[in-house]
């Protein structure tokens, strides 16, 4: 799927629960597409004066999602897309209120203008139809949008806020909620780590996360559709964590497709619950079997998991050794003995595997894939890719079959 397709899917999943709209802007912040209607079929960045702020974030190469609040107390989630150092696109989803008090802000703002009774009535009715999305849920949606754009999982503390009403405040409502709900993401992080390790006690961390989370309101939209969307998100996260834990990518993708189809065909919430449990047990069992069969020590398994979850970055052997608590020379020897290849070759193999998937399944260009995975130089990317797969990245992109497996 392309980034736009993933974002469209993310927006659609949110719209299953709340009636929000979607805007997409190009590198010059010109509106290129939108999924809006009624009173919101306009350029949000321009009308509400967000352009200057967004340009400031682009200049800073700000990489994390934002929640924007306009002067009327309406909230939008925003994500900036970069390819390397180049800004590519800006995407917004909204608007919504965060609570009943947000509508009071709107009424006060309307009082500041000399409006006729009829116009005031029409504006009030229009805004009253907008959804109220709890702040904690809005932050979760911002994280989902960021994942759709970048493929990167982040925690709540990285979501930034900007308010036209509270520019001088050092602490916003969202900042407070972020701190209050860090426990949710700490337990979710622990849950995914257990999946990577093939730990059958993963259910304890998952239940802890659910007990802390406020979740999504069940009385909005189609409850079964919302449950299916949540199950699909969980499936994606678990599948990725299992691959980072060592599960073969082809096996993980096949399982993902199978469970996704079964989720879509589920008829009840109870069936979805049983299916999600079966899915997680299946992934954990396979990861555990892989780890036990390979005879790799926990320290090296952890290093492999770290490489998988940080594959976009430039990973240094010295840093891996330090994380494992070993001297670098000892770590490199231990890694080669247990894994059967050097740290450098293992990292390169993983990067090339991800590169091939991106070339085959996304709209990213060869140059974008090279930059995305930090190959250092495009000439090196071409060379190592051809050496590994027997075909150049450009020909792979054109759809030709590789000569090597």
Protein backbone atom coordinates (compact mmCIF):
# COMPACT_ATOMS: atom_id res chain seq x y z
CA UNK A 1 0.00 0.00 0.00
CA UNK A 2 1.15 3.55 -0.69
CA UNK A 3 1.34 6.09 2.11
CA UNK A 4 -1.78 7.82 0.78
CA UNK A 5 -3.64 4.51 0.76
CA UNK A 6 -2.56 3.74 4.33
CA UNK A 7 -3.60 7.21 5.48
CA UNK A 8 -6.93 6.84 3.71
CA UNK A 9 -7.45 3.52 5.51
CA UNK A 10 -6.53 5.14 8.84
CA UNK A 11 -8.94 8.01 8.19
CA UNK A 12 -11.66 5.56 7.23
CA UNK A 13 -11.16 3.57 10.44
CA UNK A 14 -11.49 6.74 12.50
CA UNK A 15 -14.58 7.75 10.52
CA UNK A 16 -16.17 4.43 11.47
CA UNK A 17 -16.28 5.82 15.02
CA UNK A 18 -16.50 9.59 14.51
CA UNK A 19 -17.69 11.77 11.58
CA UNK A 20 -14.41 13.58 10.85
CA UNK A 21 -12.87 14.96 7.64
CA UNK A 22 -9.50 14.60 5.91
CA UNK A 23 -7.19 17.10 4.16
CA UNK A 24 -3.90 16.51 2.31
CA UNK A 25 -1.37 19.21 1.32
CA UNK A 26 1.69 19.01 -0.93
CA UNK A 27 5.24 20.25 -0.28
CA UNK A 28 4.17 23.87 -0.85
CA UNK A 29 1.20 23.44 1.55
CA UNK A 30 -1.28 23.71 -1.29
CA UNK A 31 -4.43 21.66 -0.77
CA UNK A 32 -4.30 18.70 -3.16
CA UNK A 33 -7.13 16.51 -1.89
CA UNK A 34 -9.76 16.34 0.81
CA UNK A 35 -12.59 14.18 2.06
CA UNK A 36 -14.93 16.83 3.37
CA UNK A 37 -18.43 18.08 2.97
CA UNK A 38 -20.90 20.68 4.12
CA UNK A 39 -19.41 23.55 6.07
CA UNK A 40 -15.88 22.10 6.11
CA UNK A 41 -15.19 21.98 2.37
CA UNK A 42 -12.40 24.58 2.59
CA UNK A 43 -8.66 24.96 3.14
CA UNK A 44 -8.28 24.45 6.90
CA UNK A 45 -4.62 25.52 7.10
CA UNK A 46 -5.38 28.81 5.37
CA UNK A 47 -8.71 29.65 7.02
CA UNK A 48 -7.61 28.90 10.58
CA UNK A 49 -4.13 30.37 10.24
CA UNK A 50 -2.12 27.19 10.82
CA UNK A 51 0.16 27.64 7.80
CA UNK A 52 2.79 29.75 9.57
CA UNK A 53 3.03 27.26 12.42
CA UNK A 54 3.27 24.29 10.04
CA UNK A 55 6.03 26.00 8.06
CA UNK A 56 7.97 26.52 11.29
CA UNK A 57 7.72 22.79 12.04
CA UNK A 58 8.83 21.94 8.50
CA UNK A 59 11.91 24.14 8.90
CA UNK A 60 12.68 22.27 12.13
CA UNK A 61 12.14 18.91 10.33
CA UNK A 62 9.66 18.03 13.06
CA UNK A 63 8.97 14.30 12.70
CA UNK A 64 6.17 13.61 15.19
CA UNK A 65 2.38 14.04 15.04
CA UNK A 66 0.66 17.15 16.33
CA UNK A 67 -2.73 18.10 17.67
CA UNK A 68 -3.81 21.56 16.53
CA UNK A 69 -6.48 23.60 18.31
CA UNK A 70 -7.99 26.56 16.48
CA UNK A 71 -9.41 29.69 18.07
CA UNK A 72 -12.88 28.12 18.22
CA UNK A 73 -11.76 25.18 20.34
CA UNK A 74 -11.78 22.69 17.45
CA UNK A 75 -9.08 20.03 17.31
CA UNK A 76 -7.26 18.48 14.34
CA UNK A 77 -4.59 15.78 14.24
CA UNK A 78 -1.71 16.54 11.88
CA UNK A 79 1.22 14.55 10.50
CA UNK A 80 4.10 15.77 8.33
CA UNK A 81 5.72 13.45 5.80
CA UNK A 82 9.43 13.69 5.06
CA UNK A 83 11.51 11.69 2.61
CA UNK A 84 15.03 11.97 3.90
CA UNK A 85 15.38 15.66 4.76
CA UNK A 86 12.83 16.78 2.16
CA UNK A 87 9.29 17.68 3.22
CA UNK A 88 6.74 15.80 1.12
CA UNK A 89 3.20 16.29 2.48
CA UNK A 90 1.00 17.47 5.34
CA UNK A 91 -2.15 15.62 6.39
CA UNK A 92 -4.94 16.60 8.79
CA UNK A 93 -7.93 14.76 10.22
CA UNK A 94 -10.70 16.55 12.14
CA UNK A 95 -12.31 18.65 13.42
CA UNK A 96 -13.64 17.62 16.80
CA UNK A 97 -14.26 18.89 20.29
CA UNK A 98 -12.35 17.34 23.18
CA UNK A 99 -15.19 17.82 25.68
CA UNK A 100 -18.26 19.81 26.57
CA UNK A 101 -16.10 22.76 27.64
CA UNK A 102 -14.80 23.08 24.07
CA UNK A 103 -18.27 24.10 22.94
CA UNK A 104 -18.34 26.81 25.59
CA UNK A 105 -15.18 28.26 24.01
CA UNK A 106 -17.03 28.34 20.69
CA UNK A 107 -19.98 30.22 22.16
CA UNK A 108 -17.67 32.78 23.76
CA UNK A 109 -15.91 33.29 20.43
CA UNK A 110 -19.20 33.81 18.63
CA UNK A 111 -20.14 36.40 21.25
CA UNK A 112 -17.10 38.43 20.21
CA UNK A 113 -18.56 38.97 16.73
CA UNK A 114 -21.60 40.98 15.75
CA UNK A 115 -23.61 38.26 14.07
CA UNK A 116 -27.25 38.19 13.14
CA UNK A 117 -29.44 35.77 15.05
CA UNK A 118 -29.90 33.62 11.94
CA UNK A 119 -26.18 33.36 11.13
CA UNK A 120 -25.32 32.63 14.74
CA UNK A 121 -27.97 29.91 14.82
CA UNK A 122 -26.65 28.29 11.63
CA UNK A 123 -23.05 28.36 12.84
CA UNK A 124 -23.99 26.96 16.23
CA UNK A 125 -26.00 24.13 14.68
CA UNK A 126 -23.13 23.33 12.32
CA UNK A 127 -20.57 23.13 15.11
CA UNK A 128 -22.93 21.27 17.43
CA UNK A 129 -22.98 18.41 14.92
CA UNK A 130 -19.23 17.86 15.33
CA UNK A 131 -18.12 14.88 17.42
CA UNK A 132 -16.67 15.04 20.91
CA UNK A 133 -13.54 12.87 20.92
CA UNK A 134 -11.90 12.36 24.34
CA UNK A 135 -8.41 13.82 24.49
CA UNK A 136 -6.79 10.46 25.23
CA UNK A 137 -8.48 8.91 22.20
CA UNK A 138 -7.49 11.85 19.99
CA UNK A 139 -3.86 11.30 20.97
CA UNK A 140 -4.18 7.62 20.06
CA UNK A 141 -5.58 8.60 16.65
CA UNK A 142 -2.60 10.94 16.16
CA UNK A 143 -0.28 8.00 16.83
CA UNK A 144 -2.23 5.88 14.33
CA UNK A 145 -1.93 8.60 11.67
CA UNK A 146 1.81 8.85 12.31
CA UNK A 147 2.13 5.07 11.94
CA UNK A 148 0.22 5.18 8.63
CA UNK A 149 2.57 7.88 7.30
CA UNK A 150 5.92 6.62 8.62
CA UNK A 151 5.45 3.01 9.74
CA UNK A 152 6.96 4.07 13.07
CA UNK A 153 5.43 3.24 16.46
CA UNK A 154 5.73 6.02 19.03
CA UNK A 155 4.51 6.77 22.55
CA UNK A 156 2.10 9.43 23.76
CA UNK A 157 4.79 11.77 25.06
CA UNK A 158 5.99 12.41 21.50
CA UNK A 159 2.64 13.83 20.36
CA UNK A 160 2.93 17.63 20.40
CA UNK A 161 0.13 20.18 20.75
CA UNK A 162 -0.42 23.71 19.47
CA UNK A 163 -3.27 25.91 20.61
CA UNK A 164 -4.23 29.29 19.21
CA UNK A 165 -6.15 29.89 22.44
CA UNK A 166 -3.35 28.97 24.85
CA UNK A 167 -0.11 30.04 23.18
CA UNK A 168 1.29 31.37 26.45
CA UNK A 169 0.44 28.37 28.60
CA UNK A 170 3.34 26.14 29.49
CA UNK A 171 1.07 23.15 29.97
CA UNK A 172 -1.89 22.20 27.81
CA UNK A 173 -4.75 19.83 28.51
CA UNK A 174 -3.13 17.25 26.24
CA UNK A 175 0.22 17.53 28.02
CA UNK A 176 -1.50 16.69 31.30
CA UNK A 177 -3.33 13.74 29.80
CA UNK A 178 -0.11 12.50 28.23
CA UNK A 179 1.51 12.19 31.64
CA UNK A 180 -1.60 10.65 33.17
CA UNK A 181 -1.76 7.94 30.51
CA UNK A 182 1.91 7.06 30.15
CA UNK A 183 1.15 3.89 32.05
CA UNK A 184 -1.03 2.72 29.18
CA UNK A 185 1.77 2.97 26.66
CA UNK A 186 4.35 1.54 29.03
CA UNK A 187 2.26 -1.61 29.36
CA UNK A 188 1.54 -1.71 25.61
CA UNK A 189 5.28 -1.49 24.99
CA UNK A 190 5.83 -4.35 27.43
CA UNK A 191 3.13 -6.38 25.67
CA UNK A 192 4.77 -6.00 22.24
CA UNK A 193 8.17 -6.87 23.71
CA UNK A 194 6.67 -10.11 25.03
CA UNK A 195 5.43 -10.90 21.52
CA UNK A 196 8.97 -10.34 20.21
CA UNK A 197 10.30 -12.70 22.86
CA UNK A 198 7.62 -15.35 22.30
CA UNK A 199 6.60 -14.95 25.94
CA UNK A 200 3.29 -16.78 26.67
CA UNK A 201 2.62 -14.40 29.58
CA UNK A 202 1.85 -11.60 27.10
CA UNK A 203 -1.81 -11.62 28.18
CA UNK A 204 -0.89 -10.11 31.55
CA UNK A 205 0.61 -7.00 29.93
CA UNK A 206 -2.25 -6.75 27.43
CA UNK A 207 -4.90 -6.94 30.15
CA UNK A 208 -3.01 -4.34 32.19
CA UNK A 209 -3.01 -2.01 29.17
CA UNK A 210 -6.74 -2.47 28.62
CA UNK A 211 -7.51 -1.80 32.28
CA UNK A 212 -5.73 1.57 32.07
CA UNK A 213 -7.08 2.67 28.69
CA UNK A 214 -10.30 4.64 28.29
CA UNK A 215 -10.75 3.12 24.86
CA UNK A 216 -13.11 4.33 22.14
CA UNK A 217 -16.71 5.24 22.89
CA UNK A 218 -18.93 2.27 22.05
CA UNK A 219 -22.06 4.33 21.45
CA UNK A 220 -20.72 6.04 18.31
CA UNK A 221 -20.91 4.43 14.87
CA UNK A 222 -21.09 0.69 14.23
CA UNK A 223 -19.70 -1.12 17.32
CA UNK A 224 -18.84 -4.29 15.38
CA UNK A 225 -16.98 -2.29 12.73
CA UNK A 226 -15.06 -0.47 15.47
CA UNK A 227 -14.14 -3.81 17.08
CA UNK A 228 -12.94 -5.13 13.71
CA UNK A 229 -10.80 -2.03 13.18
CA UNK A 230 -9.25 -2.45 16.62
CA UNK A 231 -8.57 -6.12 15.88
CA UNK A 232 -6.89 -5.24 12.57
CA UNK A 233 -4.66 -2.67 14.29
CA UNK A 234 -3.73 -5.25 16.93
CA UNK A 235 -2.99 -7.81 14.20
CA UNK A 236 -0.66 -5.39 12.42
CA UNK A 237 1.27 -4.56 15.59
CA UNK A 238 1.58 -8.20 16.67
CA UNK A 239 2.67 -9.32 13.20
CA UNK A 240 5.38 -6.66 13.05
CA UNK A 241 6.58 -7.48 16.59
CA UNK A 242 6.78 -11.18 15.70
CA UNK A 243 8.95 -10.39 12.67
CA UNK A 244 11.19 -8.25 14.86
CA UNK A 245 11.42 -11.26 17.17
CA UNK A 246 12.77 -13.42 14.35
CA UNK A 247 9.68 -14.88 12.66
CA UNK A 248 10.20 -15.23 8.92
CA UNK A 249 8.56 -12.30 7.10
CA UNK A 250 6.85 -14.48 4.49
CA UNK A 251 5.26 -16.57 7.26
CA UNK A 252 4.22 -13.47 9.19
CA UNK A 253 2.65 -11.83 6.13
CA UNK A 254 0.78 -15.01 5.20
CA UNK A 255 -0.59 -15.26 8.74
CA UNK A 256 -1.50 -11.57 8.66
CA UNK A 257 -3.52 -11.97 5.47
CA UNK A 258 -5.30 -15.06 6.81
CA UNK A 259 -6.28 -13.51 10.13
CA UNK A 260 -7.30 -10.22 8.48
CA UNK A 261 -9.74 -12.11 6.25
CA UNK A 262 -11.16 -13.99 9.22
CA UNK A 263 -11.56 -10.75 11.18
CA UNK A 264 -13.54 -9.21 8.32
CA UNK A 265 -15.85 -12.24 8.20
CA UNK A 266 -16.52 -12.28 11.96
CA UNK A 267 -20.18 -11.74 12.89
CA UNK A 268 -19.98 -10.97 16.61
CA UNK A 269 -17.74 -9.23 19.13
CA UNK A 270 -17.29 -12.53 20.95
CA UNK A 271 -16.00 -14.15 17.78
CA UNK A 272 -13.50 -11.30 17.35
CA UNK A 273 -12.27 -11.73 20.93
CA UNK A 274 -11.69 -15.46 20.42
CA UNK A 275 -10.02 -14.84 17.06
CA UNK A 276 -7.67 -12.19 18.50
CA UNK A 277 -6.64 -14.58 21.28
CA UNK A 278 -6.02 -17.35 18.74
CA UNK A 279 -4.00 -14.96 16.58
CA UNK A 280 -1.75 -13.78 19.42
CA UNK A 281 -1.21 -17.32 20.71
CA UNK A 282 -0.29 -18.42 17.19
CA UNK A 283 2.31 -15.67 16.69
CA UNK A 284 3.81 -16.15 20.17
CA UNK A 285 4.05 -19.92 19.71
CA UNK A 286 5.83 -19.55 16.38
CA UNK A 287 8.27 -16.94 17.69
CA UNK A 288 9.06 -19.09 20.73
CA UNK A 289 9.58 -22.15 18.53
CA UNK A 290 11.95 -20.18 16.29
CA UNK A 291 13.98 -18.95 19.23
CA UNK A 292 14.19 -22.35 20.91
CA UNK A 293 15.10 -24.08 17.65
CA UNK A 294 17.93 -21.68 16.83
CA UNK A 295 19.59 -21.99 20.25
CA UNK A 296 20.37 -18.27 20.35
CA UNK A 297 21.09 -16.77 23.77
CA UNK A 298 18.73 -14.13 25.23
CA UNK A 299 21.35 -11.38 24.83
CA UNK A 300 21.79 -12.05 21.11
CA UNK A 301 18.03 -12.50 20.65
CA UNK A 302 17.56 -9.06 22.19
CA UNK A 303 20.18 -7.62 19.84
CA UNK A 304 18.37 -9.13 16.85
CA UNK A 305 15.05 -7.71 18.08
CA UNK A 306 16.64 -4.28 18.50
CA UNK A 307 18.00 -4.42 14.96
CA UNK A 308 14.57 -5.34 13.62
CA UNK A 309 12.79 -2.49 15.41
CA UNK A 310 15.46 0.11 14.47
CA UNK A 311 16.14 -1.05 10.92
CA UNK A 312 15.69 2.47 9.50
CA UNK A 313 18.60 3.77 11.54
CA UNK A 314 22.37 3.49 11.26
CA UNK A 315 23.08 0.77 13.82
CA UNK A 316 26.57 0.53 15.30
CA UNK A 317 28.01 -2.74 16.60
CA UNK A 318 29.50 -0.87 19.55
CA UNK A 319 26.04 0.29 20.62
CA UNK A 320 24.64 -3.24 20.38
CA UNK A 321 27.51 -4.58 22.46
CA UNK A 322 26.96 -1.91 25.09
CA UNK A 323 23.25 -2.75 25.27
CA UNK A 324 24.12 -6.42 25.75
CA UNK A 325 26.70 -5.61 28.44
CA UNK A 326 29.64 -7.09 26.53
CA UNK A 327 32.91 -5.79 25.19
CA UNK A 328 32.61 -5.21 21.45
CA UNK A 329 35.15 -7.88 20.44
CA UNK A 330 33.40 -10.50 22.61
CA UNK A 331 29.94 -9.51 21.38
CA UNK A 332 30.90 -9.73 17.70
CA UNK A 333 32.38 -13.20 18.19
CA UNK A 334 29.38 -14.41 20.17
CA UNK A 335 26.97 -13.00 17.58
CA UNK A 336 28.75 -14.69 14.69
CA UNK A 337 28.92 -18.01 16.54
CA UNK A 338 25.21 -18.06 17.42
CA UNK A 339 23.66 -16.39 14.37
CA UNK A 340 26.06 -17.75 11.78
CA UNK A 341 26.99 -14.39 10.28
CA UNK A 342 28.59 -11.14 11.33
CA UNK A 343 26.63 -8.29 12.87
CA UNK A 344 27.27 -6.18 9.79
CA UNK A 345 26.02 -8.89 7.41
CA UNK A 346 22.95 -9.55 9.56
CA UNK A 347 21.97 -5.86 9.59
CA UNK A 348 22.53 -5.59 5.85
CA UNK A 349 20.41 -8.69 5.20
CA UNK A 350 17.53 -7.28 7.25
CA UNK A 351 17.75 -3.88 5.54
CA UNK A 352 17.74 -5.51 2.11
CA UNK A 353 14.72 -7.65 3.01
CA UNK A 354 12.77 -4.56 4.06
CA UNK A 355 13.99 -2.70 0.97
CA UNK A 356 12.66 -5.42 -1.33
CA UNK A 357 9.27 -5.36 0.41
CA UNK A 358 9.09 -1.56 0.04
CA UNK A 359 10.04 -1.66 -3.64
CA UNK A 360 7.46 -4.33 -4.35
CA UNK A 361 4.55 -3.07 -2.27
CA UNK A 362 4.79 0.73 -1.98
CA UNK A 363 5.05 3.77 -4.25
CA UNK A 364 8.43 4.73 -2.78
CA UNK A 365 11.15 5.31 -5.37
CA UNK A 366 14.52 3.56 -5.28
CA UNK A 367 16.13 6.73 -3.95
CA UNK A 368 13.48 7.11 -1.26
CA UNK A 369 13.95 3.52 -0.10
CA UNK A 370 17.72 4.01 0.04
CA UNK A 371 17.36 7.14 2.17
CA UNK A 372 14.58 5.64 4.31
CA UNK A 373 16.77 2.69 5.34
CA UNK A 374 19.97 4.73 5.80
CA UNK A 375 22.12 2.82 3.31
CA UNK A 376 24.62 5.67 3.35
CA UNK A 377 24.75 6.23 -0.40
CA UNK A 378 22.55 5.26 -3.30
CA UNK A 379 25.44 3.71 -5.21
CA UNK A 380 26.10 1.39 -2.27
CA UNK A 381 22.40 0.50 -2.15
CA UNK A 382 22.44 -0.44 -5.84
CA UNK A 383 25.58 -2.54 -5.40
CA UNK A 384 24.54 -4.53 -2.33
CA UNK A 385 21.00 -5.03 -3.64
CA UNK A 386 22.25 -6.46 -6.94
CA UNK A 387 24.77 -8.66 -5.12
CA UNK A 388 22.05 -10.06 -2.85
CA UNK A 389 19.14 -10.52 -5.24
CA UNK A 390 20.79 -10.63 -8.66
CA UNK A 391 18.74 -7.71 -9.92
CA UNK A 392 19.02 -3.94 -9.61
CA UNK A 393 16.58 -2.04 -7.36
CA UNK A 394 15.22 -0.14 -10.36
CA UNK A 395 14.37 -3.36 -12.20
CA UNK A 396 12.86 -4.76 -9.00
CA UNK A 397 10.68 -1.67 -8.88
CA UNK A 398 9.57 -2.29 -12.46
CA UNK A 399 8.23 -5.69 -11.41
CA UNK A 400 10.86 -8.08 -12.74
CA UNK A 401 11.48 -11.26 -10.76
CA UNK A 402 14.79 -11.60 -8.92
CA UNK A 403 17.15 -14.33 -10.00
CA UNK A 404 18.07 -15.27 -6.44
CA UNK A 405 15.84 -16.28 -3.59
